[in-house]
Amino acid sequence: MAFTYFFRDLYTLELIIKHVVPHVAGRSKVRIWDAGCATGQEPYSLAIMFAENMGQFAFRNLRIDATDVDESNLFEKIISQGLYPEEDLKRIPGGLFRKYFRPSEKAGYFRIDSIVRSRVYYQRHNLLSLQPVGDGYSLVVCKNVLLHFQPEGRAEVLKMFHRALAPGGYLAMEQTQKLPRETAYLFEQVTDDAQLFRKVDVHSAGNTLKDSVGNDC
C-alpha cells in the first residue's frame, strides 16, 4: 500500500489551488485525475482544498477521477465510504477537520462530508495500459507512482497524461520526480520549487519554431 496521508505536500496543494482555480473559473465542468490515489487521502485533500476555494456552486461542477491498480477492492471500499481512523486525520488543519469530518457509527472513525465524497469517483486503472480514463482534464496529479516504472514506461505515461489534459491543463508530480528529457517539450514548469507543470500545445510550439526559423532565413 502506498505511503500517503491527508494534506501531504501541502505546498504543492496550495500552488495547485493558486494556478488551477483561476484557470477553471466559470466552467460548467471541471475534471481532475488523481492517478495512483491509494486509499483516497490525496484526492480527498484535493477535493477539500477546491471546496474551500471554488465556492459552493462552482464546486458542484468538479469531478475527481481517483484511480489505482489495486485489485483487492480495498481502495474502492475505503474511498466510497470516506471513512478513516482518527489517527489518520491528525495532520488535517483543525478548522478543516471540524468542517469536513463527522464522527461515524464506528468508534474511533470519522466520515468525510457527503458533498466532498460526491465529487470523488474511484475506478481501478493500470497506468501502463497507456489508456487514459478520460480527457479534457484541467489537472492530473501523479505522486509516488512513476518512480516505480522503468524509464521508457515513465515517459510513455507522461505522454498519456499530456493527451488527457485539456489545453493549458496542469500536471503535478512528486517533488523528487523530474520530467524525463524526452518529455520535457510537452510541459512547462510553473515554478522552480515544485514539480507543477502546464501543458504545452506542441502543435503551436512547433509552428512558432518554424515561423521563427523562416523569418531568420
N, C-alpha and C. Protein backbone atom coordinates (compact mmCIF):
# COMPACT_ATOMS: atom_id res chain seq x y z
N MET A 1 0.84 -1.20 0.00
CA MET A 1 0.00 0.00 0.00
C MET A 1 0.88 1.24 0.00
N ALA A 2 0.56 2.21 -0.80
CA ALA A 2 1.38 3.41 -0.91
C ALA A 2 1.34 4.21 0.39
N PHE A 3 2.47 4.85 0.69
CA PHE A 3 2.55 5.72 1.85
C PHE A 3 1.91 7.05 1.50
N THR A 4 0.89 7.42 2.24
CA THR A 4 0.22 8.69 1.98
C THR A 4 -0.52 9.13 3.22
N TYR A 5 -0.90 10.38 3.25
CA TYR A 5 -1.71 10.89 4.36
C TYR A 5 -2.40 12.16 3.89
N PHE A 6 -3.38 12.61 4.65
CA PHE A 6 -4.12 13.81 4.27
C PHE A 6 -3.21 15.03 4.29
N PHE A 7 -3.36 15.84 3.25
CA PHE A 7 -2.65 17.11 3.09
C PHE A 7 -1.13 16.92 3.03
N ARG A 8 -0.72 15.80 2.49
CA ARG A 8 0.70 15.59 2.22
C ARG A 8 1.15 16.57 1.13
N ASP A 9 2.36 17.09 1.24
CA ASP A 9 2.91 18.07 0.30
C ASP A 9 1.96 19.25 0.16
N LEU A 10 1.68 19.88 1.29
CA LEU A 10 0.73 20.99 1.33
C LEU A 10 1.16 22.14 0.42
N TYR A 11 2.46 22.35 0.30
CA TYR A 11 2.93 23.45 -0.54
C TYR A 11 2.47 23.28 -1.99
N THR A 12 2.61 22.06 -2.52
CA THR A 12 2.16 21.82 -3.89
C THR A 12 0.64 21.94 -3.99
N LEU A 13 -0.08 21.46 -2.99
CA LEU A 13 -1.53 21.62 -2.98
C LEU A 13 -1.92 23.10 -3.07
N GLU A 14 -1.23 23.93 -2.32
CA GLU A 14 -1.54 25.36 -2.34
C GLU A 14 -1.21 25.98 -3.70
N LEU A 15 -0.12 25.52 -4.32
CA LEU A 15 0.21 26.01 -5.66
C LEU A 15 -0.83 25.57 -6.68
N ILE A 16 -1.31 24.34 -6.55
CA ILE A 16 -2.38 23.86 -7.45
C ILE A 16 -3.58 24.78 -7.36
N ILE A 17 -3.99 25.09 -6.15
CA ILE A 17 -5.15 25.97 -5.97
C ILE A 17 -4.87 27.34 -6.59
N LYS A 18 -3.69 27.87 -6.35
CA LYS A 18 -3.33 29.20 -6.86
C LYS A 18 -3.43 29.28 -8.37
N HIS A 19 -3.02 28.21 -9.06
CA HIS A 19 -2.97 28.25 -10.52
C HIS A 19 -4.21 27.67 -11.18
N VAL A 20 -4.74 26.60 -10.63
CA VAL A 20 -5.83 25.88 -11.30
C VAL A 20 -7.18 26.55 -11.10
N VAL A 21 -7.45 27.05 -9.90
CA VAL A 21 -8.77 27.66 -9.65
C VAL A 21 -9.04 28.82 -10.60
N PRO A 22 -8.14 29.77 -10.79
CA PRO A 22 -8.41 30.83 -11.78
C PRO A 22 -8.54 30.27 -13.20
N HIS A 23 -7.78 29.21 -13.50
CA HIS A 23 -7.80 28.61 -14.83
C HIS A 23 -9.17 28.03 -15.18
N VAL A 24 -9.88 27.51 -14.18
CA VAL A 24 -11.16 26.84 -14.44
C VAL A 24 -12.37 27.69 -14.08
N ALA A 25 -12.14 28.91 -13.65
CA ALA A 25 -13.24 29.77 -13.22
C ALA A 25 -14.29 29.92 -14.32
N GLY A 26 -15.54 29.74 -13.94
CA GLY A 26 -16.65 29.90 -14.87
C GLY A 26 -16.98 28.69 -15.70
N ARG A 27 -16.24 27.60 -15.58
CA ARG A 27 -16.50 26.41 -16.37
C ARG A 27 -17.64 25.59 -15.77
N SER A 28 -18.44 25.00 -16.63
CA SER A 28 -19.55 24.18 -16.16
C SER A 28 -19.11 22.77 -15.78
N LYS A 29 -17.93 22.35 -16.27
CA LYS A 29 -17.37 21.06 -15.91
C LYS A 29 -15.88 21.21 -15.66
N VAL A 30 -15.43 20.72 -14.52
CA VAL A 30 -14.01 20.76 -14.17
C VAL A 30 -13.60 19.34 -13.79
N ARG A 31 -12.64 18.79 -14.53
CA ARG A 31 -12.22 17.40 -14.32
C ARG A 31 -10.79 17.34 -13.83
N ILE A 32 -10.57 16.51 -12.82
CA ILE A 32 -9.24 16.26 -12.26
C ILE A 32 -9.02 14.76 -12.23
N TRP A 33 -7.80 14.34 -12.53
CA TRP A 33 -7.45 12.92 -12.47
C TRP A 33 -6.34 12.76 -11.45
N ASP A 34 -6.61 12.00 -10.40
CA ASP A 34 -5.59 11.63 -9.42
C ASP A 34 -5.18 10.20 -9.71
N ALA A 35 -4.02 10.03 -10.33
CA ALA A 35 -3.55 8.72 -10.78
C ALA A 35 -2.63 8.12 -9.72
N GLY A 36 -3.05 6.99 -9.15
CA GLY A 36 -2.31 6.39 -8.06
C GLY A 36 -2.80 6.94 -6.74
N CYS A 37 -4.11 6.85 -6.52
CA CYS A 37 -4.77 7.53 -5.40
C CYS A 37 -4.66 6.78 -4.08
N ALA A 38 -4.19 5.52 -4.09
CA ALA A 38 -4.11 4.70 -2.87
C ALA A 38 -5.48 4.69 -2.18
N THR A 39 -5.51 4.92 -0.88
CA THR A 39 -6.76 4.80 -0.13
C THR A 39 -7.54 6.11 -0.04
N GLY A 40 -7.18 7.08 -0.86
CA GLY A 40 -8.03 8.25 -1.03
C GLY A 40 -7.66 9.51 -0.30
N GLN A 41 -6.59 9.48 0.49
CA GLN A 41 -6.25 10.69 1.24
C GLN A 41 -5.92 11.86 0.32
N GLU A 42 -5.21 11.57 -0.77
CA GLU A 42 -4.83 12.66 -1.68
C GLU A 42 -6.02 13.24 -2.45
N PRO A 43 -6.85 12.42 -3.11
CA PRO A 43 -7.98 13.02 -3.83
C PRO A 43 -8.94 13.75 -2.89
N TYR A 44 -9.12 13.26 -1.67
CA TYR A 44 -9.99 13.97 -0.74
C TYR A 44 -9.35 15.25 -0.24
N SER A 45 -8.03 15.27 -0.09
CA SER A 45 -7.36 16.53 0.26
C SER A 45 -7.55 17.55 -0.86
N LEU A 46 -7.40 17.09 -2.10
CA LEU A 46 -7.65 17.98 -3.24
C LEU A 46 -9.08 18.50 -3.23
N ALA A 47 -10.03 17.60 -3.00
CA ALA A 47 -11.44 18.00 -3.01
C ALA A 47 -11.72 19.04 -1.94
N ILE A 48 -11.16 18.86 -0.75
CA ILE A 48 -11.38 19.82 0.32
C ILE A 48 -10.77 21.17 -0.03
N MET A 49 -9.57 21.16 -0.60
CA MET A 49 -8.92 22.42 -0.99
C MET A 49 -9.73 23.15 -2.05
N PHE A 50 -10.26 22.41 -3.02
CA PHE A 50 -11.08 23.05 -4.04
C PHE A 50 -12.41 23.54 -3.46
N ALA A 51 -12.98 22.78 -2.55
CA ALA A 51 -14.23 23.22 -1.90
C ALA A 51 -14.03 24.54 -1.17
N GLU A 52 -12.86 24.70 -0.57
CA GLU A 52 -12.57 25.91 0.18
C GLU A 52 -12.33 27.11 -0.73
N ASN A 53 -11.97 26.87 -1.99
CA ASN A 53 -11.53 27.97 -2.85
C ASN A 53 -12.35 28.20 -4.10
N MET A 54 -13.27 27.30 -4.42
CA MET A 54 -14.07 27.45 -5.64
C MET A 54 -15.41 28.13 -5.39
N GLY A 55 -15.91 28.02 -4.20
CA GLY A 55 -17.26 28.47 -3.94
C GLY A 55 -18.23 27.30 -4.03
N GLN A 56 -19.32 27.39 -3.29
CA GLN A 56 -20.25 26.28 -3.14
C GLN A 56 -20.81 25.78 -4.47
N PHE A 57 -21.23 26.69 -5.34
CA PHE A 57 -21.89 26.27 -6.57
C PHE A 57 -20.87 25.77 -7.60
N ALA A 58 -19.74 26.45 -7.72
CA ALA A 58 -18.72 26.01 -8.66
C ALA A 58 -18.17 24.64 -8.28
N PHE A 59 -18.08 24.37 -6.98
CA PHE A 59 -17.54 23.09 -6.52
C PHE A 59 -18.38 21.92 -7.01
N ARG A 60 -19.66 22.14 -7.20
CA ARG A 60 -20.53 21.06 -7.68
C ARG A 60 -20.24 20.70 -9.13
N ASN A 61 -19.48 21.52 -9.82
CA ASN A 61 -19.08 21.22 -11.20
C ASN A 61 -17.79 20.41 -11.28
N LEU A 62 -17.20 20.12 -10.11
CA LEU A 62 -15.91 19.43 -10.05
C LEU A 62 -16.11 17.92 -10.02
N ARG A 63 -15.27 17.21 -10.75
CA ARG A 63 -15.23 15.74 -10.69
C ARG A 63 -13.77 15.32 -10.58
N ILE A 64 -13.46 14.52 -9.57
CA ILE A 64 -12.13 13.98 -9.41
C ILE A 64 -12.17 12.48 -9.68
N ASP A 65 -11.49 12.06 -10.74
CA ASP A 65 -11.36 10.63 -11.04
C ASP A 65 -10.14 10.11 -10.30
N ALA A 66 -10.37 9.29 -9.29
CA ALA A 66 -9.30 8.72 -8.48
C ALA A 66 -9.07 7.29 -8.92
N THR A 67 -7.84 6.98 -9.37
CA THR A 67 -7.58 5.66 -9.93
C THR A 67 -6.36 5.02 -9.27
N ASP A 68 -6.38 3.69 -9.26
CA ASP A 68 -5.24 2.93 -8.75
C ASP A 68 -5.32 1.53 -9.32
N VAL A 69 -4.19 0.84 -9.34
CA VAL A 69 -4.13 -0.51 -9.90
C VAL A 69 -4.58 -1.57 -8.90
N ASP A 70 -4.88 -1.18 -7.68
CA ASP A 70 -5.26 -2.10 -6.61
C ASP A 70 -6.32 -3.10 -7.06
N GLU A 71 -6.07 -4.39 -6.80
CA GLU A 71 -7.00 -5.44 -7.20
C GLU A 71 -7.70 -6.09 -6.01
N SER A 72 -7.52 -5.54 -4.83
CA SER A 72 -8.10 -6.12 -3.62
C SER A 72 -9.51 -5.63 -3.33
N ASN A 73 -9.93 -4.58 -4.04
CA ASN A 73 -11.21 -3.89 -3.79
C ASN A 73 -11.20 -3.12 -2.48
N LEU A 74 -10.07 -3.09 -1.79
CA LEU A 74 -9.97 -2.37 -0.53
C LEU A 74 -10.02 -0.87 -0.76
N PHE A 75 -9.26 -0.39 -1.75
CA PHE A 75 -9.21 1.05 -2.00
C PHE A 75 -10.59 1.59 -2.36
N GLU A 76 -11.28 0.88 -3.22
CA GLU A 76 -12.62 1.33 -3.64
C GLU A 76 -13.56 1.43 -2.45
N LYS A 77 -13.50 0.43 -1.57
CA LYS A 77 -14.38 0.42 -0.40
C LYS A 77 -14.09 1.60 0.52
N ILE A 78 -12.82 1.84 0.80
CA ILE A 78 -12.45 2.94 1.69
C ILE A 78 -12.85 4.28 1.10
N ILE A 79 -12.56 4.47 -0.19
CA ILE A 79 -12.85 5.76 -0.81
C ILE A 79 -14.36 5.99 -0.92
N SER A 80 -15.10 4.98 -1.29
CA SER A 80 -16.56 5.16 -1.42
C SER A 80 -17.21 5.48 -0.08
N GLN A 81 -16.69 4.89 1.00
CA GLN A 81 -17.25 5.16 2.32
C GLN A 81 -16.73 6.47 2.91
N GLY A 82 -15.52 6.87 2.51
CA GLY A 82 -14.93 8.08 3.05
C GLY A 82 -14.73 7.99 4.55
N LEU A 83 -14.36 6.80 5.02
CA LEU A 83 -14.28 6.52 6.45
C LEU A 83 -12.82 6.26 6.84
N TYR A 84 -12.32 7.06 7.80
CA TYR A 84 -10.90 6.98 8.16
C TYR A 84 -10.73 7.01 9.68
N PRO A 85 -9.72 6.27 10.20
CA PRO A 85 -9.48 6.27 11.65
C PRO A 85 -8.95 7.62 12.11
N GLU A 86 -9.22 7.95 13.33
CA GLU A 86 -8.84 9.25 13.88
C GLU A 86 -7.35 9.52 13.77
N GLU A 87 -6.52 8.47 13.94
CA GLU A 87 -5.07 8.69 13.89
C GLU A 87 -4.58 9.10 12.50
N ASP A 88 -5.37 8.80 11.45
CA ASP A 88 -5.01 9.20 10.09
C ASP A 88 -5.34 10.65 9.79
N LEU A 89 -6.03 11.32 10.71
CA LEU A 89 -6.57 12.65 10.43
C LEU A 89 -5.86 13.75 11.21
N LYS A 90 -4.80 13.39 11.94
CA LYS A 90 -4.18 14.34 12.85
C LYS A 90 -3.43 15.46 12.14
N ARG A 91 -3.07 15.26 10.88
CA ARG A 91 -2.34 16.29 10.14
C ARG A 91 -3.27 17.31 9.49
N ILE A 92 -4.55 17.07 9.54
CA ILE A 92 -5.51 17.99 8.92
C ILE A 92 -5.65 19.24 9.78
N PRO A 93 -5.53 20.43 9.20
CA PRO A 93 -5.74 21.65 10.00
C PRO A 93 -7.07 21.61 10.72
N GLY A 94 -7.06 22.06 11.98
CA GLY A 94 -8.23 21.93 12.85
C GLY A 94 -9.53 22.44 12.25
N GLY A 95 -9.47 23.62 11.62
CA GLY A 95 -10.69 24.18 11.07
C GLY A 95 -11.27 23.33 9.96
N LEU A 96 -10.42 22.77 9.12
CA LEU A 96 -10.89 21.92 8.03
C LEU A 96 -11.40 20.59 8.57
N PHE A 97 -10.76 20.06 9.60
CA PHE A 97 -11.23 18.81 10.19
C PHE A 97 -12.64 18.98 10.74
N ARG A 98 -12.87 20.03 11.48
CA ARG A 98 -14.20 20.25 12.08
C ARG A 98 -15.25 20.52 11.01
N LYS A 99 -14.85 21.11 9.91
CA LYS A 99 -15.80 21.48 8.86
C LYS A 99 -16.19 20.29 7.99
N TYR A 100 -15.23 19.39 7.72
CA TYR A 100 -15.46 18.36 6.70
C TYR A 100 -15.50 16.93 7.22
N PHE A 101 -15.33 16.71 8.50
CA PHE A 101 -15.35 15.35 9.04
C PHE A 101 -16.35 15.25 10.19
N ARG A 102 -17.05 14.11 10.21
CA ARG A 102 -18.05 13.87 11.24
C ARG A 102 -17.78 12.52 11.91
N PRO A 103 -18.03 12.41 13.21
CA PRO A 103 -17.90 11.10 13.86
C PRO A 103 -18.83 10.10 13.18
N SER A 104 -18.37 8.87 13.05
CA SER A 104 -19.19 7.84 12.41
C SER A 104 -19.72 6.87 13.45
N GLU A 105 -20.51 5.94 12.97
CA GLU A 105 -21.06 4.91 13.84
C GLU A 105 -19.98 3.93 14.31
N LYS A 106 -18.83 3.95 13.65
CA LYS A 106 -17.73 3.08 14.00
C LYS A 106 -16.80 3.83 14.95
N ALA A 107 -16.61 3.32 16.13
CA ALA A 107 -15.84 4.01 17.16
C ALA A 107 -14.43 4.32 16.67
N GLY A 108 -14.00 5.58 16.88
CA GLY A 108 -12.65 5.98 16.51
C GLY A 108 -12.49 6.35 15.05
N TYR A 109 -13.57 6.34 14.28
CA TYR A 109 -13.52 6.65 12.85
C TYR A 109 -14.37 7.88 12.55
N PHE A 110 -13.93 8.62 11.52
CA PHE A 110 -14.66 9.80 11.07
C PHE A 110 -14.95 9.67 9.58
N ARG A 111 -16.10 10.24 9.18
CA ARG A 111 -16.51 10.17 7.78
C ARG A 111 -16.45 11.55 7.15
N ILE A 112 -15.95 11.60 5.92
CA ILE A 112 -15.86 12.86 5.19
C ILE A 112 -17.25 13.32 4.78
N ASP A 113 -17.44 14.62 4.80
CA ASP A 113 -18.70 15.24 4.43
C ASP A 113 -19.21 14.71 3.08
N SER A 114 -20.49 14.49 2.98
CA SER A 114 -21.07 13.86 1.79
C SER A 114 -20.89 14.71 0.53
N ILE A 115 -20.87 16.03 0.66
CA ILE A 115 -20.67 16.88 -0.51
C ILE A 115 -19.29 16.65 -1.11
N VAL A 116 -18.28 16.50 -0.24
CA VAL A 116 -16.93 16.23 -0.71
C VAL A 116 -16.85 14.82 -1.31
N ARG A 117 -17.45 13.85 -0.64
CA ARG A 117 -17.44 12.47 -1.15
C ARG A 117 -18.08 12.38 -2.52
N SER A 118 -19.07 13.20 -2.76
CA SER A 118 -19.81 13.11 -4.02
C SER A 118 -19.00 13.60 -5.21
N ARG A 119 -17.87 14.24 -4.97
CA ARG A 119 -17.05 14.75 -6.07
C ARG A 119 -15.92 13.81 -6.45
N VAL A 120 -15.70 12.72 -5.69
CA VAL A 120 -14.59 11.81 -5.92
C VAL A 120 -15.12 10.46 -6.40
N TYR A 121 -14.62 10.01 -7.56
CA TYR A 121 -15.08 8.76 -8.18
C TYR A 121 -13.89 7.83 -8.37
N TYR A 122 -13.96 6.66 -7.77
CA TYR A 122 -12.85 5.71 -7.87
C TYR A 122 -13.08 4.71 -9.00
N GLN A 123 -11.98 4.35 -9.68
CA GLN A 123 -12.02 3.21 -10.58
C GLN A 123 -10.63 2.58 -10.66
N ARG A 124 -10.59 1.28 -10.86
CA ARG A 124 -9.33 0.58 -11.00
C ARG A 124 -8.74 0.88 -12.37
N HIS A 125 -7.42 1.14 -12.40
CA HIS A 125 -6.79 1.51 -13.67
C HIS A 125 -5.30 1.25 -13.59
N ASN A 126 -4.76 0.68 -14.64
CA ASN A 126 -3.33 0.43 -14.76
C ASN A 126 -2.73 1.49 -15.67
N LEU A 127 -1.88 2.34 -15.14
CA LEU A 127 -1.28 3.40 -15.94
C LEU A 127 -0.50 2.87 -17.13
N LEU A 128 0.09 1.70 -16.98
CA LEU A 128 0.90 1.14 -18.07
C LEU A 128 0.06 0.60 -19.22
N SER A 129 -1.27 0.64 -19.08
CA SER A 129 -2.12 0.36 -20.24
C SER A 129 -2.01 1.48 -21.26
N LEU A 130 -1.56 2.65 -20.79
CA LEU A 130 -1.38 3.85 -21.62
C LEU A 130 -2.70 4.34 -22.22
N GLN A 131 -3.80 3.96 -21.58
CA GLN A 131 -5.12 4.42 -21.99
C GLN A 131 -5.68 5.32 -20.89
N PRO A 132 -5.84 6.61 -21.14
CA PRO A 132 -6.36 7.49 -20.09
C PRO A 132 -7.79 7.14 -19.71
N VAL A 133 -8.18 7.47 -18.50
CA VAL A 133 -9.55 7.18 -18.05
C VAL A 133 -10.53 8.23 -18.55
N GLY A 134 -10.02 9.26 -19.16
CA GLY A 134 -10.88 10.31 -19.71
C GLY A 134 -10.03 11.34 -20.43
N ASP A 135 -10.65 12.46 -20.76
CA ASP A 135 -9.89 13.54 -21.40
C ASP A 135 -10.44 14.87 -20.93
N GLY A 136 -9.80 15.92 -21.38
CA GLY A 136 -10.25 17.25 -21.01
C GLY A 136 -9.99 17.60 -19.56
N TYR A 137 -8.96 16.98 -18.97
CA TYR A 137 -8.67 17.24 -17.56
C TYR A 137 -7.99 18.60 -17.40
N SER A 138 -8.40 19.32 -16.38
CA SER A 138 -7.73 20.57 -16.03
C SER A 138 -6.50 20.33 -15.17
N LEU A 139 -6.46 19.17 -14.53
CA LEU A 139 -5.34 18.83 -13.65
C LEU A 139 -5.18 17.32 -13.60
N VAL A 140 -3.94 16.87 -13.72
CA VAL A 140 -3.59 15.48 -13.45
C VAL A 140 -2.56 15.48 -12.33
N VAL A 141 -2.81 14.68 -11.30
CA VAL A 141 -1.89 14.53 -10.17
C VAL A 141 -1.39 13.10 -10.16
N CYS A 142 -0.08 12.93 -10.09
CA CYS A 142 0.51 11.59 -10.05
C CYS A 142 1.70 11.61 -9.11
N LYS A 143 1.52 11.06 -7.93
CA LYS A 143 2.57 11.04 -6.91
C LYS A 143 2.93 9.59 -6.58
N ASN A 144 4.20 9.37 -6.23
CA ASN A 144 4.64 8.06 -5.72
C ASN A 144 4.34 6.88 -6.64
N VAL A 145 4.23 7.13 -7.93
CA VAL A 145 3.91 6.05 -8.86
C VAL A 145 5.00 5.91 -9.92
N LEU A 146 5.32 7.01 -10.60
CA LEU A 146 6.22 6.95 -11.74
C LEU A 146 7.60 6.44 -11.37
N LEU A 147 8.03 6.67 -10.15
CA LEU A 147 9.36 6.23 -9.74
C LEU A 147 9.49 4.71 -9.72
N HIS A 148 8.34 4.01 -9.75
CA HIS A 148 8.36 2.55 -9.75
C HIS A 148 8.45 1.98 -11.17
N PHE A 149 8.35 2.85 -12.19
CA PHE A 149 8.35 2.39 -13.57
C PHE A 149 9.75 2.48 -14.17
N GLN A 150 9.98 1.67 -15.19
CA GLN A 150 11.19 1.79 -15.98
C GLN A 150 11.15 3.11 -16.77
N PRO A 151 12.32 3.67 -17.11
CA PRO A 151 12.35 4.97 -17.79
C PRO A 151 11.44 5.06 -19.02
N GLU A 152 11.42 4.01 -19.84
CA GLU A 152 10.60 4.05 -21.04
C GLU A 152 9.11 4.12 -20.69
N GLY A 153 8.69 3.31 -19.73
CA GLY A 153 7.30 3.33 -19.30
C GLY A 153 6.92 4.66 -18.69
N ARG A 154 7.82 5.23 -17.93
CA ARG A 154 7.58 6.53 -17.30
C ARG A 154 7.32 7.59 -18.36
N ALA A 155 8.12 7.61 -19.39
CA ALA A 155 7.95 8.60 -20.46
C ALA A 155 6.63 8.40 -21.19
N GLU A 156 6.25 7.15 -21.44
CA GLU A 156 5.00 6.89 -22.16
C GLU A 156 3.79 7.30 -21.33
N VAL A 157 3.86 7.10 -20.02
CA VAL A 157 2.75 7.51 -19.15
C VAL A 157 2.61 9.03 -19.16
N LEU A 158 3.71 9.74 -19.13
CA LEU A 158 3.65 11.19 -19.17
C LEU A 158 3.08 11.70 -20.49
N LYS A 159 3.39 11.02 -21.58
CA LYS A 159 2.79 11.37 -22.87
C LYS A 159 1.28 11.15 -22.83
N MET A 160 0.86 10.08 -22.15
CA MET A 160 -0.57 9.82 -21.99
C MET A 160 -1.24 10.95 -21.20
N PHE A 161 -0.57 11.38 -20.11
CA PHE A 161 -1.12 12.49 -19.33
C PHE A 161 -1.27 13.73 -20.19
N HIS A 162 -0.30 13.99 -21.04
CA HIS A 162 -0.36 15.16 -21.93
C HIS A 162 -1.59 15.08 -22.82
N ARG A 163 -1.85 13.90 -23.37
CA ARG A 163 -3.03 13.72 -24.22
C ARG A 163 -4.33 13.93 -23.43
N ALA A 164 -4.33 13.50 -22.17
CA ALA A 164 -5.55 13.56 -21.36
C ALA A 164 -5.86 14.97 -20.87
N LEU A 165 -4.87 15.83 -20.82
CA LEU A 165 -5.07 17.18 -20.31
C LEU A 165 -5.74 18.07 -21.36
N ALA A 166 -6.60 18.95 -20.88
CA ALA A 166 -7.16 19.98 -21.73
C ALA A 166 -6.08 21.01 -22.05
N PRO A 167 -6.26 21.82 -23.08
CA PRO A 167 -5.28 22.87 -23.37
C PRO A 167 -5.02 23.74 -22.14
N GLY A 168 -3.76 23.92 -21.82
CA GLY A 168 -3.40 24.73 -20.66
C GLY A 168 -3.57 24.03 -19.33
N GLY A 169 -3.88 22.71 -19.35
CA GLY A 169 -4.07 21.97 -18.12
C GLY A 169 -2.76 21.75 -17.38
N TYR A 170 -2.88 21.34 -16.12
CA TYR A 170 -1.73 21.24 -15.23
C TYR A 170 -1.42 19.79 -14.86
N LEU A 171 -0.14 19.54 -14.61
CA LEU A 171 0.35 18.25 -14.14
C LEU A 171 1.14 18.47 -12.87
N ALA A 172 0.80 17.73 -11.80
CA ALA A 172 1.54 17.80 -10.54
C ALA A 172 2.16 16.44 -10.25
N MET A 173 3.46 16.45 -9.91
CA MET A 173 4.16 15.21 -9.63
C MET A 173 4.85 15.30 -8.27
N GLU A 174 5.40 14.17 -7.85
CA GLU A 174 6.17 14.10 -6.61
C GLU A 174 7.35 15.06 -6.67
N GLN A 175 7.68 15.68 -5.53
CA GLN A 175 8.76 16.66 -5.51
C GLN A 175 10.09 16.09 -5.99
N THR A 176 10.31 14.81 -5.72
CA THR A 176 11.58 14.19 -6.11
C THR A 176 11.57 13.65 -7.53
N GLN A 177 10.44 13.76 -8.22
CA GLN A 177 10.31 13.19 -9.56
C GLN A 177 10.52 14.27 -10.62
N LYS A 178 11.49 14.08 -11.48
CA LYS A 178 11.76 15.04 -12.55
C LYS A 178 11.18 14.54 -13.87
N LEU A 179 10.90 15.47 -14.76
CA LEU A 179 10.44 15.08 -16.09
C LEU A 179 11.58 14.43 -16.86
N PRO A 180 11.33 13.28 -17.49
CA PRO A 180 12.35 12.70 -18.37
C PRO A 180 12.66 13.67 -19.52
N ARG A 181 13.88 13.65 -19.97
CA ARG A 181 14.30 14.58 -21.02
C ARG A 181 13.43 14.48 -22.27
N GLU A 182 13.03 13.25 -22.61
CA GLU A 182 12.27 13.07 -23.85
C GLU A 182 10.83 13.57 -23.77
N THR A 183 10.38 13.95 -22.59
CA THR A 183 9.02 14.51 -22.46
C THR A 183 9.04 15.97 -22.04
N ALA A 184 10.21 16.56 -21.87
CA ALA A 184 10.30 17.92 -21.35
C ALA A 184 9.60 18.93 -22.26
N TYR A 185 9.56 18.65 -23.57
CA TYR A 185 8.94 19.59 -24.50
C TYR A 185 7.41 19.64 -24.37
N LEU A 186 6.85 18.68 -23.66
CA LEU A 186 5.39 18.60 -23.53
C LEU A 186 4.83 19.50 -22.44
N PHE A 187 5.69 19.93 -21.51
CA PHE A 187 5.23 20.69 -20.35
C PHE A 187 6.19 21.83 -20.04
N GLU A 188 5.65 22.89 -19.46
CA GLU A 188 6.49 23.97 -18.94
C GLU A 188 6.31 24.02 -17.43
N GLN A 189 7.42 24.15 -16.71
CA GLN A 189 7.36 24.17 -15.25
C GLN A 189 6.83 25.51 -14.78
N VAL A 190 5.88 25.46 -13.85
CA VAL A 190 5.20 26.66 -13.38
C VAL A 190 6.06 27.42 -12.39
N THR A 191 6.79 26.69 -11.54
CA THR A 191 7.62 27.30 -10.52
C THR A 191 8.85 26.44 -10.30
N ASP A 192 9.94 27.06 -9.91
CA ASP A 192 11.20 26.33 -9.77
C ASP A 192 11.22 25.42 -8.55
N ASP A 193 10.38 25.70 -7.55
CA ASP A 193 10.46 24.96 -6.29
C ASP A 193 9.35 23.94 -6.09
N ALA A 194 8.72 23.52 -7.18
CA ALA A 194 7.70 22.47 -7.09
C ALA A 194 7.56 21.80 -8.45
N GLN A 195 7.18 20.54 -8.43
CA GLN A 195 7.01 19.79 -9.67
C GLN A 195 5.57 19.98 -10.19
N LEU A 196 5.26 21.21 -10.54
CA LEU A 196 3.97 21.59 -11.10
C LEU A 196 4.22 22.14 -12.50
N PHE A 197 3.53 21.56 -13.47
CA PHE A 197 3.78 21.87 -14.88
C PHE A 197 2.46 22.23 -15.57
N ARG A 198 2.60 22.96 -16.67
CA ARG A 198 1.45 23.27 -17.52
C ARG A 198 1.66 22.67 -18.89
N LYS A 199 0.59 22.13 -19.45
CA LYS A 199 0.66 21.50 -20.76
C LYS A 199 1.05 22.49 -21.83
N VAL A 200 1.98 22.07 -22.69
CA VAL A 200 2.38 22.85 -23.86
C VAL A 200 1.65 22.30 -25.07
N ASP A 201 1.07 23.19 -25.85
CA ASP A 201 0.46 22.80 -27.12
C ASP A 201 1.59 22.57 -28.10
N VAL A 202 1.94 21.31 -28.32
CA VAL A 202 3.12 21.01 -29.13
C VAL A 202 2.94 21.44 -30.58
N HIS A 203 1.72 21.47 -31.08
CA HIS A 203 1.49 21.90 -32.46
C HIS A 203 1.77 23.39 -32.61
N SER A 204 1.26 24.19 -31.65
CA SER A 204 1.52 25.62 -31.70
C SER A 204 2.99 25.91 -31.48
N ALA A 205 3.60 25.16 -30.55
CA ALA A 205 5.02 25.37 -30.30
C ALA A 205 5.84 25.05 -31.54
N GLY A 206 5.46 23.99 -32.24
CA GLY A 206 6.17 23.62 -33.46
C GLY A 206 6.01 24.66 -34.53
N ASN A 207 4.79 25.21 -34.67
CA ASN A 207 4.55 26.24 -35.68
C ASN A 207 5.33 27.51 -35.37
N THR A 208 5.40 27.86 -34.07
CA THR A 208 6.13 29.06 -33.68
C THR A 208 7.61 28.91 -34.02
N LEU A 209 8.14 27.70 -33.76
CA LEU A 209 9.54 27.46 -34.07
C LEU A 209 9.80 27.56 -35.57
N LYS A 210 8.88 26.99 -36.36
CA LYS A 210 9.05 27.04 -37.82
C LYS A 210 9.00 28.48 -38.31
N ASP A 211 8.05 29.26 -37.76
CA ASP A 211 7.93 30.65 -38.18
C ASP A 211 9.21 31.43 -37.86
N SER A 212 9.74 31.15 -36.66
CA SER A 212 10.95 31.84 -36.23
C SER A 212 12.13 31.51 -37.16
N VAL A 213 12.26 30.23 -37.51
CA VAL A 213 13.32 29.81 -38.40
C VAL A 213 13.14 30.43 -39.77
N GLY A 214 11.88 30.48 -40.25
CA GLY A 214 11.61 31.05 -41.56
C GLY A 214 11.93 32.53 -41.62
N ASN A 215 11.61 33.25 -40.53
CA ASN A 215 11.89 34.67 -40.52
C ASN A 215 13.37 34.98 -40.48
N ASP A 216 14.17 34.04 -39.99
CA ASP A 216 15.60 34.27 -39.92
C ASP A 216 16.31 33.98 -41.24
N CYS A 217 15.60 33.32 -42.13
CA CYS A 217 16.26 32.93 -43.39
C CYS A 217 16.31 34.11 -44.37
